[in-house]
Amino acid sequence: MPMHTSQRARADRGRGAGLGLALVSAVAFGGSGVAAKPLIEAGLDPLHVVWLRVLGAALVALPLAVRHRALLRERPALLVGFGLLAVAGVQACYFAALSRIPVGAALLIEYLAPALVLGWVRLVQRRPVTRAAAIGVVLAVGGLACVVQVWSGLRFDPVGVLLALGAACCQVGYFVLADQGGTAGREAPDPLGVIAHGLLVGAVVLTAVARPWTLDWSVLAADADLDGTPVPAALLLAWIVLIATVLAYVTGVRSVRRLSPQVAGVVACLEAVVATVLAWVLLGEHLSAPQLAGGAVVLVGAFIAQSSAPAEGGAEPVASGGAERELSARGTAA
């Protein structure tokens, strides 16, 4: 088998694995709202739920942070940036936006992140992007507008819009920082170490924002109502910490390393679709025809973006992942 054919086959396998990781991450992140809503309705402040989520995940990841403590010396800016943007910034800006504008509008603005990533790569990094990735972003954002029914209760609040844009920019930081070192082979910072330290930084920042000393701890000792079914609040919190945070971040960062920030960002739009479907199934929140159609459009956009391929004989667009990324991500350990 020719060398380039073998490399392409390995790249395709790497792309498939990256896509699978991105889908797992989207499902895991999407399940956070279904578990968080009963806790909020039981009496917990939304910011307290976020603080418990990040703090719990940070404690789970603490052994990894200790194991990769050398990163504190080698990549301090990356760790602080990931913690401030990818962990604390997204959460704080999004929940602050919710206090001023409708949920649908906040979600739609936050998930403009894939389009902003394309702009960052094309205009700031001056690297080419594929047409398929751009089309996928447009379709995903349009479908997302239908999924979240952005027209429901629409009103303009400049501060709320700016906060939601802040969440979108922090999402861009998540994808860009998660990609750091993806082509550095053995020199790449271990993604688990980056996530662990980022969660610790995020927990510290959110402690100042959420003021957990006012938290009503008795809520966690009781049951919460999940569409008429009593569920231990501690169990819901465990789901948020272990699945919707730890698993979601680990699979998300690894997917960015194997795909690219742009492609992984478009696939991440499925998070809102997953959240809407889970709310329908578990919370009894019915879906309308526009929401179903929008979900289908998001799926089409994600499929188009992830199937983008580099032009023959040219420099490989960053939006496509590809052989060089896959080989470097695997390093030279083989």
Foldseek 3Di string as FASTA:
>chain_A
DDPVVVLQVLLVVLLVLLLVLLLLLLLLQLCLVLLVVLLVVLPWDLLLLLLLQLVLLLVVLVVVLVVQVVCCVVPVVLLLLCLCQVRQQLSVLLVVLVVPFPNLVLLLLLLLLLVVLQVCCCPVVVFDADPLLVQLSVLQSVLSCLQSVCVVVGDDDPSSSVSSNSSNVSLNSNLVSLQQQLLVFPPRRDQSNSLNSSSVSNSVVSCVVSVCVPTDCVSQQAFTQFQNDTDRSVVSSCSSRVRSRNSSSVSLSSSCSSANSNLSSLSSSCSSVSNSVCCCVTVVDDDDPSSVVSNVSSVVSSVSQQPDWADPPDDGGRSHRGSSSSDRNNHPPD
